[in-house]
Amino acid sequence: MKRTVSLLSLTLPLMLIAADSPLLAPGAKLEKLGDGYAFTEGPAADAHGNVFFTDQPNDRIVRWDAATGAFTDWLNPSGRANGTYFDAHGNLLTCSDDLNQLWSIAPDKKVTVLVKDFGGKLLNGPNDLWIRPDGALYFTDPLYKRPYWKRDPQSQQAGQHVYFLGTDRTAAPKAVATDLKQPNGLIGTPDGKTLYVADIGAGKTYAYDVQANGDLAGKRLFCNLGSDGMTLDAEGNVYLTGRGVTVFDKEGKQVDHLAVPEGWTANVTFGGKDHDLLFITASKSVYGVKLRVKGAPSVVRK
């Protein structure tokens, strides 16, 4: 059963982040906010800092209230939502891989299917997405076979790619990175010029130059670490997940590592009323820690 835990009243024993961390707010410690989930993923914060995250095995989207710390089920069923991202209009876009689709969920919870296939075949399973400043978006499509799929195993795509969907949501997506082993997490810079893509299968993260037509150019190695989910702060630091949270500056140099007492850290975003709470989804629990930096404008939707 999940519990609600106040950031100020936490008494559970936890692994602490190093006191000399360059990112922590003064006196801040990693705190468990809630637990009792099957597998937490895909956090995204709204304009007020409330965080919506997924509990994919239980087919639900959960809302964490930034003011009270309370958890409520926001949408159940959720299409087996994985990665999520808010657009500029307050719609929550989700990688809903029950039917291998990309959804837009309005504040009133009305669902619009944005992408249902590519080239007449089902996608492998949309995993993570990022919306660039003009409203166009990128999403990853790795293959992780799910026990709940009833699909023909021959129906998936020939490869695991990164796709682009323009502002015209009626147009078909196009594959823009087809040479990766297993793309997973991705995030873009606030100016919309750079896209970071984690190839978790290859254990590497790459940076690309974003072109106006959606194409990706100038592929270059950012760091020798893959990632599940990822986020970006206002100083340009890139946060990768997996074994805790590992942080790299914009040049690809590691500047910090935040230990998390779980077997796997799946994803991370910035939430809280000041957007300076690093909200971490890690296996059966969710964690938070106050930082001295805020989330990048490409992460914080206002």
C-alpha atoms as a PDB file:
ATOM      1  CA  MET A   1       0.000   0.000   0.000  1.00  0.00           C
ATOM      2  CA  LYS A   2       1.447   3.378  -0.938  1.00  0.00           C
ATOM      3  CA  ARG A   3       2.011   5.942   1.780  1.00  0.00           C
ATOM      4  CA  THR A   4       2.152   9.720   1.741  1.00  0.00           C
ATOM      5  CA  VAL A   5       5.214  11.187   3.410  1.00  0.00           C
ATOM      6  CA  SER A   6       5.861  14.828   4.230  1.00  0.00           C
ATOM      7  CA  LEU A   7       9.186  16.260   3.083  1.00  0.00           C
ATOM      8  CA  LEU A   8       9.573  17.740   6.564  1.00  0.00           C
ATOM      9  CA  SER A   9       8.526  14.783   8.707  1.00  0.00           C
ATOM     10  CA  LEU A  10      10.308  11.866   7.060  1.00  0.00           C
ATOM     11  CA  THR A  11      11.674   9.347   9.575  1.00  0.00           C
ATOM     12  CA  LEU A  12      12.484   6.381   7.334  1.00  0.00           C
ATOM     13  CA  PRO A  13      16.181   5.428   7.107  1.00  0.00           C
ATOM     14  CA  LEU A  14      17.524   6.450   3.701  1.00  0.00           C
ATOM     15  CA  MET A  15      20.793   6.513   1.811  1.00  0.00           C
ATOM     16  CA  LEU A  16      21.922  10.139   1.789  1.00  0.00           C
ATOM     17  CA  ILE A  17      23.518  12.062  -1.057  1.00  0.00           C
ATOM     18  CA  ALA A  18      27.071  13.217  -0.468  1.00  0.00           C
ATOM     19  CA  ALA A  19      27.204  16.426   1.545  1.00  0.00           C
ATOM     20  CA  ASP A  20      29.611  18.006  -0.962  1.00  0.00           C
ATOM     21  CA  SER A  21      27.199  17.612  -3.878  1.00  0.00           C
ATOM     22  CA  PRO A  22      27.351  20.732  -6.086  1.00  0.00           C
ATOM     23  CA  LEU A  23      23.633  20.431  -6.847  1.00  0.00           C
ATOM     24  CA  LEU A  24      21.929  19.970  -3.467  1.00  0.00           C
ATOM     25  CA  ALA A  25      20.202  22.836  -1.726  1.00  0.00           C
ATOM     26  CA  PRO A  26      21.782  23.594   1.683  1.00  0.00           C
ATOM     27  CA  GLY A  27      20.825  20.894   4.174  1.00  0.00           C
ATOM     28  CA  ALA A  28      18.809  18.901   1.640  1.00  0.00           C
ATOM     29  CA  LYS A  29      18.541  15.112   1.867  1.00  0.00           C
ATOM     30  CA  LEU A  30      17.006  12.467  -0.353  1.00  0.00           C
ATOM     31  CA  GLU A  31      13.561  11.545   0.972  1.00  0.00           C
ATOM     32  CA  LYS A  32      11.112   8.812   0.134  1.00  0.00           C
ATOM     33  CA  LEU A  33       7.819  10.439  -0.785  1.00  0.00           C
ATOM     34  CA  GLY A  34       5.737   7.311  -1.336  1.00  0.00           C
ATOM     35  CA  ASP A  35       5.921   3.601  -2.034  1.00  0.00           C
ATOM     36  CA  GLY A  36       3.826   0.487  -2.636  1.00  0.00           C
ATOM     37  CA  TYR A  37       3.805   0.720  -6.435  1.00  0.00           C
ATOM     38  CA  ALA A  38       4.621  -2.035  -8.917  1.00  0.00           C
ATOM     39  CA  PHE A  39       7.024   0.024 -11.093  1.00  0.00           C
ATOM     40  CA  THR A  40       7.112   3.815 -11.263  1.00  0.00           C
ATOM     41  CA  GLU A  41       7.984   5.690 -14.456  1.00  0.00           C
ATOM     42  CA  GLY A  42       7.371   8.725 -16.655  1.00  0.00           C
ATOM     43  CA  PRO A  43       7.129  11.729 -14.278  1.00  0.00           C
ATOM     44  CA  ALA A  44       6.059  15.126 -15.644  1.00  0.00           C
ATOM     45  CA  ALA A  45       5.201  18.298 -13.717  1.00  0.00           C
ATOM     46  CA  ASP A  46       2.355  20.692 -14.488  1.00  0.00           C
ATOM     47  CA  ALA A  47       2.570  24.476 -14.191  1.00  0.00           C
ATOM     48  CA  HIS A  48       1.956  24.302 -10.426  1.00  0.00           C
ATOM     49  CA  GLY A  49       4.672  21.726  -9.811  1.00  0.00           C
ATOM     50  CA  ASN A  50       2.304  18.815  -9.266  1.00  0.00           C
ATOM     51  CA  VAL A  51       3.922  15.664 -10.631  1.00  0.00           C
ATOM     52  CA  PHE A  52       2.094  13.043 -12.679  1.00  0.00           C
ATOM     53  CA  PHE A  53       3.840   9.676 -12.924  1.00  0.00           C
ATOM     54  CA  THR A  54       2.957   6.225 -14.156  1.00  0.00           C
ATOM     55  CA  ASP A  55       2.639   2.869 -12.420  1.00  0.00           C
ATOM     56  CA  GLN A  56       2.665   0.900 -15.646  1.00  0.00           C
ATOM     57  CA  PRO A  57       2.068  -2.663 -14.376  1.00  0.00           C
ATOM     58  CA  ASN A  58      -1.032  -1.360 -12.576  1.00  0.00           C
ATOM     59  CA  ASP A  59      -2.118   0.632 -15.668  1.00  0.00           C
ATOM     60  CA  ARG A  60      -2.511   3.968 -13.929  1.00  0.00           C
ATOM     61  CA  ILE A  61      -1.268   7.548 -13.822  1.00  0.00           C
ATOM     62  CA  VAL A  62      -0.761   8.901 -10.298  1.00  0.00           C
ATOM     63  CA  ARG A  63      -0.769  12.574  -9.276  1.00  0.00           C
ATOM     64  CA  TRP A  64       1.477  13.911  -6.507  1.00  0.00           C
ATOM     65  CA  ASP A  65       0.228  17.196  -5.046  1.00  0.00           C
ATOM     66  CA  ALA A  66       3.047  19.722  -4.622  1.00  0.00           C
ATOM     67  CA  ALA A  67       1.216  21.581  -1.848  1.00  0.00           C
ATOM     68  CA  THR A  68       0.107  18.667   0.338  1.00  0.00           C
ATOM     69  CA  GLY A  69       2.289  15.737  -0.717  1.00  0.00           C
ATOM     70  CA  ALA A  70      -0.835  13.645  -1.264  1.00  0.00           C
ATOM     71  CA  PHE A  71      -1.081  10.950  -3.946  1.00  0.00           C
ATOM     72  CA  THR A  72      -4.234  10.273  -5.945  1.00  0.00           C
ATOM     73  CA  ASP A  73      -4.978   8.072  -8.933  1.00  0.00           C
ATOM     74  CA  TRP A  74      -5.513  10.484 -11.820  1.00  0.00           C
ATOM     75  CA  LEU A  75      -6.283   8.047 -14.636  1.00  0.00           C
ATOM     76  CA  ASN A  76      -6.939   4.318 -14.425  1.00  0.00           C
ATOM     77  CA  PRO A  77      -6.778   2.614 -16.871  1.00  0.00           C
ATOM     78  CA  SER A  78      -4.168   4.732 -18.634  1.00  0.00           C
ATOM     79  CA  GLY A  79      -3.349   2.779 -21.780  1.00  0.00           C
ATOM     80  CA  ARG A  80      -0.320   1.371 -19.935  1.00  0.00           C
ATOM     81  CA  ALA A  81       1.296   4.801 -20.007  1.00  0.00           C
ATOM     82  CA  ASN A  82       5.070   4.958 -19.718  1.00  0.00           C
ATOM     83  CA  GLY A  83       6.836   8.249 -20.511  1.00  0.00           C
ATOM     84  CA  THR A  84       4.793  11.472 -20.255  1.00  0.00           C
ATOM     85  CA  TYR A  85       5.194  15.167 -21.059  1.00  0.00           C
ATOM     86  CA  PHE A  86       2.926  18.223 -20.712  1.00  0.00           C
ATOM     87  CA  ASP A  87       2.325  20.417 -23.739  1.00  0.00           C
ATOM     88  CA  ALA A  88       1.831  24.176 -23.616  1.00  0.00           C
ATOM     89  CA  HIS A  89      -1.957  23.754 -23.376  1.00  0.00           C
ATOM     90  CA  GLY A  90      -1.947  21.549 -20.290  1.00  0.00           C
ATOM     91  CA  ASN A  91      -2.518  18.284 -22.145  1.00  0.00           C
ATOM     92  CA  LEU A  92      -0.558  15.324 -20.849  1.00  0.00           C
ATOM     93  CA  LEU A  93       1.026  13.426 -23.735  1.00  0.00           C
ATOM     94  CA  THR A  94       1.733   9.796 -22.937  1.00  0.00           C
ATOM     95  CA  CYS A  95       3.585   6.873 -24.440  1.00  0.00           C
ATOM     96  CA  SER A  96       0.729   4.418 -23.962  1.00  0.00           C
ATOM     97  CA  ASP A  97       2.045   1.074 -25.088  1.00  0.00           C
ATOM     98  CA  ASP A  98      -0.961  -1.114 -24.298  1.00  0.00           C
ATOM     99  CA  LEU A  99      -1.812  -0.694 -27.979  1.00  0.00           C
ATOM    100  CA  ASN A 100       1.583   0.826 -28.878  1.00  0.00           C
ATOM    101  CA  GLN A 101       0.233   4.342 -29.295  1.00  0.00           C
ATOM    102  CA  LEU A 102       0.977   7.969 -28.483  1.00  0.00           C
ATOM    103  CA  TRP A 103      -1.863   9.737 -26.629  1.00  0.00           C
ATOM    104  CA  SER A 104      -2.804  13.290 -25.704  1.00  0.00           C
ATOM    105  CA  ILE A 105      -4.905  13.435 -22.530  1.00  0.00           C
ATOM    106  CA  ALA A 106      -6.783  16.691 -21.958  1.00  0.00           C
ATOM    107  CA  PRO A 107      -7.258  18.162 -18.454  1.00  0.00           C
ATOM    108  CA  ASP A 108     -10.795  16.716 -18.524  1.00  0.00           C
ATOM    109  CA  LYS A 109      -9.177  13.330 -19.281  1.00  0.00           C
ATOM    110  CA  LYS A 110     -10.493  13.095 -22.831  1.00  0.00           C
ATOM    111  CA  VAL A 111      -8.062  10.953 -24.835  1.00  0.00           C
ATOM    112  CA  THR A 112      -6.912  11.729 -28.386  1.00  0.00           C
ATOM    113  CA  VAL A 113      -4.730   9.151 -30.162  1.00  0.00           C
ATOM    114  CA  LEU A 114      -1.917  11.018 -31.918  1.00  0.00           C
ATOM    115  CA  VAL A 115       0.011   8.052 -33.346  1.00  0.00           C
ATOM    116  CA  LYS A 116      -1.241   4.480 -33.719  1.00  0.00           C
ATOM    117  CA  ASP A 117       1.217   2.978 -36.195  1.00  0.00           C
ATOM    118  CA  PHE A 118       4.093   3.636 -38.595  1.00  0.00           C
ATOM    119  CA  GLY A 119       4.065   2.409 -42.154  1.00  0.00           C
ATOM    120  CA  GLY A 120       0.916   0.425 -41.476  1.00  0.00           C
ATOM    121  CA  LYS A 121       2.519  -1.581 -38.638  1.00  0.00           C
ATOM    122  CA  LEU A 122       2.202  -1.204 -34.903  1.00  0.00           C
ATOM    123  CA  LEU A 123       5.036   0.595 -33.165  1.00  0.00           C
ATOM    124  CA  ASN A 124       7.316  -1.428 -30.905  1.00  0.00           C
ATOM    125  CA  GLY A 125       6.141   0.448 -27.823  1.00  0.00           C
ATOM    126  CA  PRO A 126       6.557   4.246 -27.492  1.00  0.00           C
ATOM    127  CA  ASN A 127       8.669   4.872 -24.408  1.00  0.00           C
ATOM    128  CA  ASP A 128       9.634   8.516 -23.883  1.00  0.00           C
ATOM    129  CA  LEU A 129       8.933  11.859 -25.548  1.00  0.00           C
ATOM    130  CA  TRP A 130       9.955  15.503 -25.611  1.00  0.00           C
ATOM    131  CA  ILE A 131       7.991  18.454 -27.023  1.00  0.00           C
ATOM    132  CA  ARG A 132      10.071  21.182 -28.603  1.00  0.00           C
ATOM    133  CA  PRO A 133       9.126  24.888 -28.275  1.00  0.00           C
ATOM    134  CA  ASP A 134       7.012  25.027 -31.450  1.00  0.00           C
ATOM    135  CA  GLY A 135       4.874  22.067 -30.331  1.00  0.00           C
ATOM    136  CA  ALA A 136       6.428  19.427 -32.567  1.00  0.00           C
ATOM    137  CA  LEU A 137       7.727  16.372 -30.729  1.00  0.00           C
ATOM    138  CA  TYR A 138      10.160  13.473 -30.689  1.00  0.00           C
ATOM    139  CA  PHE A 139       9.581  10.043 -29.191  1.00  0.00           C
ATOM    140  CA  THR A 140      11.573   6.833 -28.780  1.00  0.00           C
ATOM    141  CA  ASP A 141      10.267   3.410 -29.769  1.00  0.00           C
ATOM    142  CA  PRO A 142      12.359   0.608 -28.234  1.00  0.00           C
ATOM    143  CA  LEU A 143      11.076  -2.953 -28.008  1.00  0.00           C
ATOM    144  CA  TYR A 144      10.354  -4.323 -24.536  1.00  0.00           C
ATOM    145  CA  LYS A 145       7.985  -7.259 -24.829  1.00  0.00           C
ATOM    146  CA  ARG A 146       5.048  -6.849 -22.478  1.00  0.00           C
ATOM    147  CA  PRO A 147       3.075  -9.736 -20.947  1.00  0.00           C
ATOM    148  CA  TYR A 148      -0.206  -7.920 -21.622  1.00  0.00           C
ATOM    149  CA  TRP A 149       0.274  -7.625 -25.403  1.00  0.00           C
ATOM    150  CA  LYS A 150      -2.083  -9.692 -27.549  1.00  0.00           C
ATOM    151  CA  ARG A 151      -0.436  -8.544 -30.775  1.00  0.00           C
ATOM    152  CA  ASP A 152       1.038 -10.548 -33.622  1.00  0.00           C
ATOM    153  CA  PRO A 153       4.772 -10.783 -32.779  1.00  0.00           C
ATOM    154  CA  GLN A 154       5.572 -10.054 -36.434  1.00  0.00           C
ATOM    155  CA  SER A 155       3.690  -6.756 -36.383  1.00  0.00           C
ATOM    156  CA  GLN A 156       6.391  -4.586 -34.824  1.00  0.00           C
ATOM    157  CA  GLN A 157       8.857  -2.401 -36.643  1.00  0.00           C
ATOM    158  CA  ALA A 158      12.065  -3.712 -38.197  1.00  0.00           C
ATOM    159  CA  GLY A 159      14.178  -1.486 -35.950  1.00  0.00           C
ATOM    160  CA  GLN A 160      14.139   0.557 -32.761  1.00  0.00           C
ATOM    161  CA  HIS A 161      14.085   4.204 -33.760  1.00  0.00           C
ATOM    162  CA  VAL A 162      13.522   7.810 -32.740  1.00  0.00           C
ATOM    163  CA  TYR A 163      10.526   9.452 -34.436  1.00  0.00           C
ATOM    164  CA  PHE A 164       9.442  13.022 -35.137  1.00  0.00           C
ATOM    165  CA  LEU A 165       5.832  14.237 -35.198  1.00  0.00           C
ATOM    166  CA  GLY A 166       5.232  17.768 -36.489  1.00  0.00           C
ATOM    167  CA  THR A 167       2.763  20.341 -35.273  1.00  0.00           C
ATOM    168  CA  ASP A 168       0.277  18.987 -37.813  1.00  0.00           C
ATOM    169  CA  ARG A 169      -0.901  16.072 -35.738  1.00  0.00           C
ATOM    170  CA  THR A 170      -2.734  14.568 -38.713  1.00  0.00           C
ATOM    171  CA  ALA A 171       0.520  13.940 -40.577  1.00  0.00           C
ATOM    172  CA  ALA A 172       2.394  10.672 -40.181  1.00  0.00           C
ATOM    173  CA  PRO A 173       5.499  10.572 -37.968  1.00  0.00           C
ATOM    174  CA  LYS A 174       8.896  10.070 -39.562  1.00  0.00           C
ATOM    175  CA  ALA A 175      11.905   8.105 -38.347  1.00  0.00           C
ATOM    176  CA  VAL A 176      14.803  10.482 -37.712  1.00  0.00           C
ATOM    177  CA  ALA A 177      17.359   8.258 -35.923  1.00  0.00           C
ATOM    178  CA  THR A 178      17.544   4.688 -37.191  1.00  0.00           C
ATOM    179  CA  ASP A 179      21.076   3.600 -36.229  1.00  0.00           C
ATOM    180  CA  LEU A 180      20.613   3.189 -32.467  1.00  0.00           C
ATOM    181  CA  LYS A 181      20.503  -0.139 -30.697  1.00  0.00           C
ATOM    182  CA  GLN A 182      17.760   0.634 -28.163  1.00  0.00           C
ATOM    183  CA  PRO A 183      16.855   4.320 -27.739  1.00  0.00           C
ATOM    184  CA  ASN A 184      15.054   5.083 -24.495  1.00  0.00           C
ATOM    185  CA  GLY A 185      15.183   8.399 -22.641  1.00  0.00           C
ATOM    186  CA  LEU A 186      15.387  11.733 -24.431  1.00  0.00           C
ATOM    187  CA  ILE A 187      15.227  15.445 -23.593  1.00  0.00           C
ATOM    188  CA  GLY A 188      15.780  18.676 -25.498  1.00  0.00           C
ATOM    189  CA  THR A 189      17.187  22.081 -24.622  1.00  0.00           C
ATOM    190  CA  PRO A 190      14.896  25.081 -24.021  1.00  0.00           C
ATOM    191  CA  ASP A 191      15.937  26.741 -27.276  1.00  0.00           C
ATOM    192  CA  GLY A 192      14.891  23.622 -29.194  1.00  0.00           C
ATOM    193  CA  LYS A 193      18.295  23.325 -30.858  1.00  0.00           C
ATOM    194  CA  THR A 194      19.762  20.234 -29.165  1.00  0.00           C
ATOM    195  CA  LEU A 195      18.238  16.829 -28.495  1.00  0.00           C
ATOM    196  CA  TYR A 196      19.836  14.303 -26.145  1.00  0.00           C
ATOM    197  CA  VAL A 197      18.968  10.653 -26.769  1.00  0.00           C
ATOM    198  CA  ALA A 198      20.031   7.788 -24.522  1.00  0.00           C
ATOM    199  CA  ASP A 199      20.822   4.515 -26.275  1.00  0.00           C
ATOM    200  CA  ILE A 200      20.378   2.263 -23.268  1.00  0.00           C
ATOM    201  CA  GLY A 201      21.146  -0.826 -25.325  1.00  0.00           C
ATOM    202  CA  ALA A 202      24.574   0.528 -26.268  1.00  0.00           C
ATOM    203  CA  GLY A 203      25.279   2.182 -22.918  1.00  0.00           C
ATOM    204  CA  LYS A 204      25.758   5.629 -24.495  1.00  0.00           C
ATOM    205  CA  THR A 205      23.987   8.981 -24.767  1.00  0.00           C
ATOM    206  CA  TYR A 206      24.189  11.117 -27.911  1.00  0.00           C
ATOM    207  CA  ALA A 207      23.521  14.768 -28.707  1.00  0.00           C
ATOM    208  CA  TYR A 208      21.958  15.917 -31.991  1.00  0.00           C
ATOM    209  CA  ASP A 209      21.357  19.234 -33.715  1.00  0.00           C
ATOM    210  CA  VAL A 210      17.616  19.691 -34.249  1.00  0.00           C
ATOM    211  CA  GLN A 211      16.579  20.808 -37.743  1.00  0.00           C
ATOM    212  CA  ALA A 212      13.436  22.839 -38.455  1.00  0.00           C
ATOM    213  CA  ASN A 213      11.904  19.989 -40.469  1.00  0.00           C
ATOM    214  CA  GLY A 214      12.439  17.553 -37.592  1.00  0.00           C
ATOM    215  CA  ASP A 215      15.552  15.867 -38.928  1.00  0.00           C
ATOM    216  CA  LEU A 216      18.492  15.282 -36.584  1.00  0.00           C
ATOM    217  CA  ALA A 217      22.023  16.222 -37.651  1.00  0.00           C
ATOM    218  CA  GLY A 218      25.504  16.335 -36.149  1.00  0.00           C
ATOM    219  CA  LYS A 219      25.229  13.177 -34.064  1.00  0.00           C
ATOM    220  CA  ARG A 220      27.956  13.139 -31.431  1.00  0.00           C
ATOM    221  CA  LEU A 221      28.737  11.124 -28.331  1.00  0.00           C
ATOM    222  CA  PHE A 222      27.669  13.038 -25.230  1.00  0.00           C
ATOM    223  CA  CYS A 223      28.736  10.494 -22.606  1.00  0.00           C
ATOM    224  CA  ASN A 224      29.515   6.814 -22.186  1.00  0.00           C
ATOM    225  CA  LEU A 225      26.403   6.062 -20.178  1.00  0.00           C
ATOM    226  CA  GLY A 226      22.949   5.045 -21.318  1.00  0.00           C
ATOM    227  CA  SER A 227      19.780   5.935 -19.460  1.00  0.00           C
ATOM    228  CA  ASP A 228      16.176   5.009 -18.889  1.00  0.00           C
ATOM    229  CA  GLY A 229      14.532   8.410 -18.425  1.00  0.00           C
ATOM    230  CA  MET A 230      16.294  11.773 -18.292  1.00  0.00           C
ATOM    231  CA  THR A 231      15.820  15.470 -17.585  1.00  0.00           C
ATOM    232  CA  LEU A 232      17.601  18.816 -17.815  1.00  0.00           C
ATOM    233  CA  ASP A 233      18.113  21.686 -15.356  1.00  0.00           C
ATOM    234  CA  ALA A 234      18.235  25.427 -15.968  1.00  0.00           C
ATOM    235  CA  GLU A 235      22.048  25.402 -16.053  1.00  0.00           C
ATOM    236  CA  GLY A 236      22.125  22.855 -18.868  1.00  0.00           C
ATOM    237  CA  ASN A 237      23.067  19.840 -16.735  1.00  0.00           C
ATOM    238  CA  VAL A 238      21.709  16.522 -18.021  1.00  0.00           C
ATOM    239  CA  TYR A 239      20.351  13.976 -15.520  1.00  0.00           C
ATOM    240  CA  LEU A 240      20.574  10.290 -16.489  1.00  0.00           C
ATOM    241  CA  THR A 241      18.985   7.401 -14.625  1.00  0.00           C
ATOM    242  CA  GLY A 242      19.566   3.713 -14.013  1.00  0.00           C
ATOM    243  CA  ARG A 243      21.787   3.147 -10.980  1.00  0.00           C
ATOM    244  CA  GLY A 244      20.728   6.232  -9.086  1.00  0.00           C
ATOM    245  CA  VAL A 245      20.919   9.567 -10.924  1.00  0.00           C
ATOM    246  CA  THR A 246      24.125  10.595 -12.695  1.00  0.00           C
ATOM    247  CA  VAL A 247      24.517  14.238 -13.731  1.00  0.00           C
ATOM    248  CA  PHE A 248      26.610  15.606 -16.597  1.00  0.00           C
ATOM    249  CA  ASP A 249      27.294  19.207 -17.536  1.00  0.00           C
ATOM    250  CA  LYS A 250      26.565  20.463 -21.051  1.00  0.00           C
ATOM    251  CA  GLU A 251      30.045  19.386 -22.172  1.00  0.00           C
ATOM    252  CA  GLY A 252      29.411  15.777 -21.145  1.00  0.00           C
ATOM    253  CA  LYS A 253      31.564  15.847 -18.000  1.00  0.00           C
ATOM    254  CA  GLN A 254      30.144  14.047 -14.963  1.00  0.00           C
ATOM    255  CA  VAL A 255      29.536  16.540 -12.149  1.00  0.00           C
ATOM    256  CA  ASP A 256      27.511  14.519  -9.641  1.00  0.00           C
ATOM    257  CA  HIS A 257      25.980  11.177  -8.751  1.00  0.00           C
ATOM    258  CA  LEU A 258      22.903  10.897  -6.549  1.00  0.00           C
ATOM    259  CA  ALA A 259      22.561   7.496  -4.920  1.00  0.00           C
ATOM    260  CA  VAL A 260      19.027   6.109  -4.641  1.00  0.00           C
ATOM    261  CA  PRO A 261      18.344   3.086  -2.398  1.00  0.00           C
ATOM    262  CA  GLU A 262      16.498   1.043  -5.012  1.00  0.00           C
ATOM    263  CA  GLY A 263      17.566  -1.553  -7.558  1.00  0.00           C
ATOM    264  CA  TRP A 264      16.647   0.686 -10.491  1.00  0.00           C
ATOM    265  CA  THR A 265      15.971   4.380 -10.989  1.00  0.00           C
ATOM    266  CA  ALA A 266      13.696   4.658 -14.005  1.00  0.00           C
ATOM    267  CA  ASN A 267      13.057   8.354 -14.500  1.00  0.00           C
ATOM    268  CA  VAL A 268      13.349  11.856 -13.105  1.00  0.00           C
ATOM    269  CA  THR A 269      11.890  15.359 -13.491  1.00  0.00           C
ATOM    270  CA  PHE A 270      11.646  18.683 -11.658  1.00  0.00           C
ATOM    271  CA  GLY A 271       8.540  19.400  -9.583  1.00  0.00           C
ATOM    272  CA  GLY A 272       7.391  21.244  -6.476  1.00  0.00           C
ATOM    273  CA  LYS A 273       5.989  24.764  -6.308  1.00  0.00           C
ATOM    274  CA  ASP A 274       9.382  26.291  -7.137  1.00  0.00           C
ATOM    275  CA  HIS A 275      10.332  23.561  -9.652  1.00  0.00           C
ATOM    276  CA  ASP A 276      13.500  22.807  -7.692  1.00  0.00           C
ATOM    277  CA  LEU A 277      12.486  19.422  -6.305  1.00  0.00           C
ATOM    278  CA  LEU A 278      14.148  16.586  -8.173  1.00  0.00           C
ATOM    279  CA  PHE A 279      11.335  14.010  -8.343  1.00  0.00           C
ATOM    280  CA  ILE A 280      12.650  10.483  -8.869  1.00  0.00           C
ATOM    281  CA  THR A 281      10.687   7.381  -9.881  1.00  0.00           C
ATOM    282  CA  ALA A 282      12.564   4.308  -8.679  1.00  0.00           C
ATOM    283  CA  SER A 283      11.065   0.826  -8.879  1.00  0.00           C
ATOM    284  CA  LYS A 284       8.316   0.512  -6.255  1.00  0.00           C
ATOM    285  CA  SER A 285       8.836   3.987  -4.788  1.00  0.00           C
ATOM    286  CA  VAL A 286       9.184   7.679  -5.573  1.00  0.00           C
ATOM    287  CA  TYR A 287      11.746  10.023  -4.020  1.00  0.00           C
ATOM    288  CA  GLY A 288      12.454  13.733  -3.858  1.00  0.00           C
ATOM    289  CA  VAL A 289      15.396  15.975  -3.045  1.00  0.00           C
ATOM    290  CA  LYS A 290      15.664  19.764  -3.073  1.00  0.00           C
ATOM    291  CA  LEU A 291      18.302  21.192  -5.402  1.00  0.00           C
ATOM    292  CA  ARG A 292      19.858  24.642  -5.677  1.00  0.00           C
ATOM    293  CA  VAL A 293      18.909  24.655  -9.386  1.00  0.00           C
ATOM    294  CA  LYS A 294      15.530  24.565 -11.076  1.00  0.00           C
ATOM    295  CA  GLY A 295      14.323  22.550 -13.997  1.00  0.00           C
ATOM    296  CA  ALA A 296      14.973  23.862 -17.495  1.00  0.00           C
ATOM    297  CA  PRO A 297      12.102  25.745 -19.164  1.00  0.00           C
ATOM    298  CA  SER A 298      11.852  22.816 -21.590  1.00  0.00           C
ATOM    299  CA  VAL A 299      10.960  20.649 -18.584  1.00  0.00           C
ATOM    300  CA  VAL A 300       8.913  23.129 -16.562  1.00  0.00           C
ATOM    301  CA  ARG A 301       5.695  23.940 -18.411  1.00  0.00           C
ATOM    302  CA  LYS A 302       4.103  27.275 -17.467  1.00  0.00           C
END
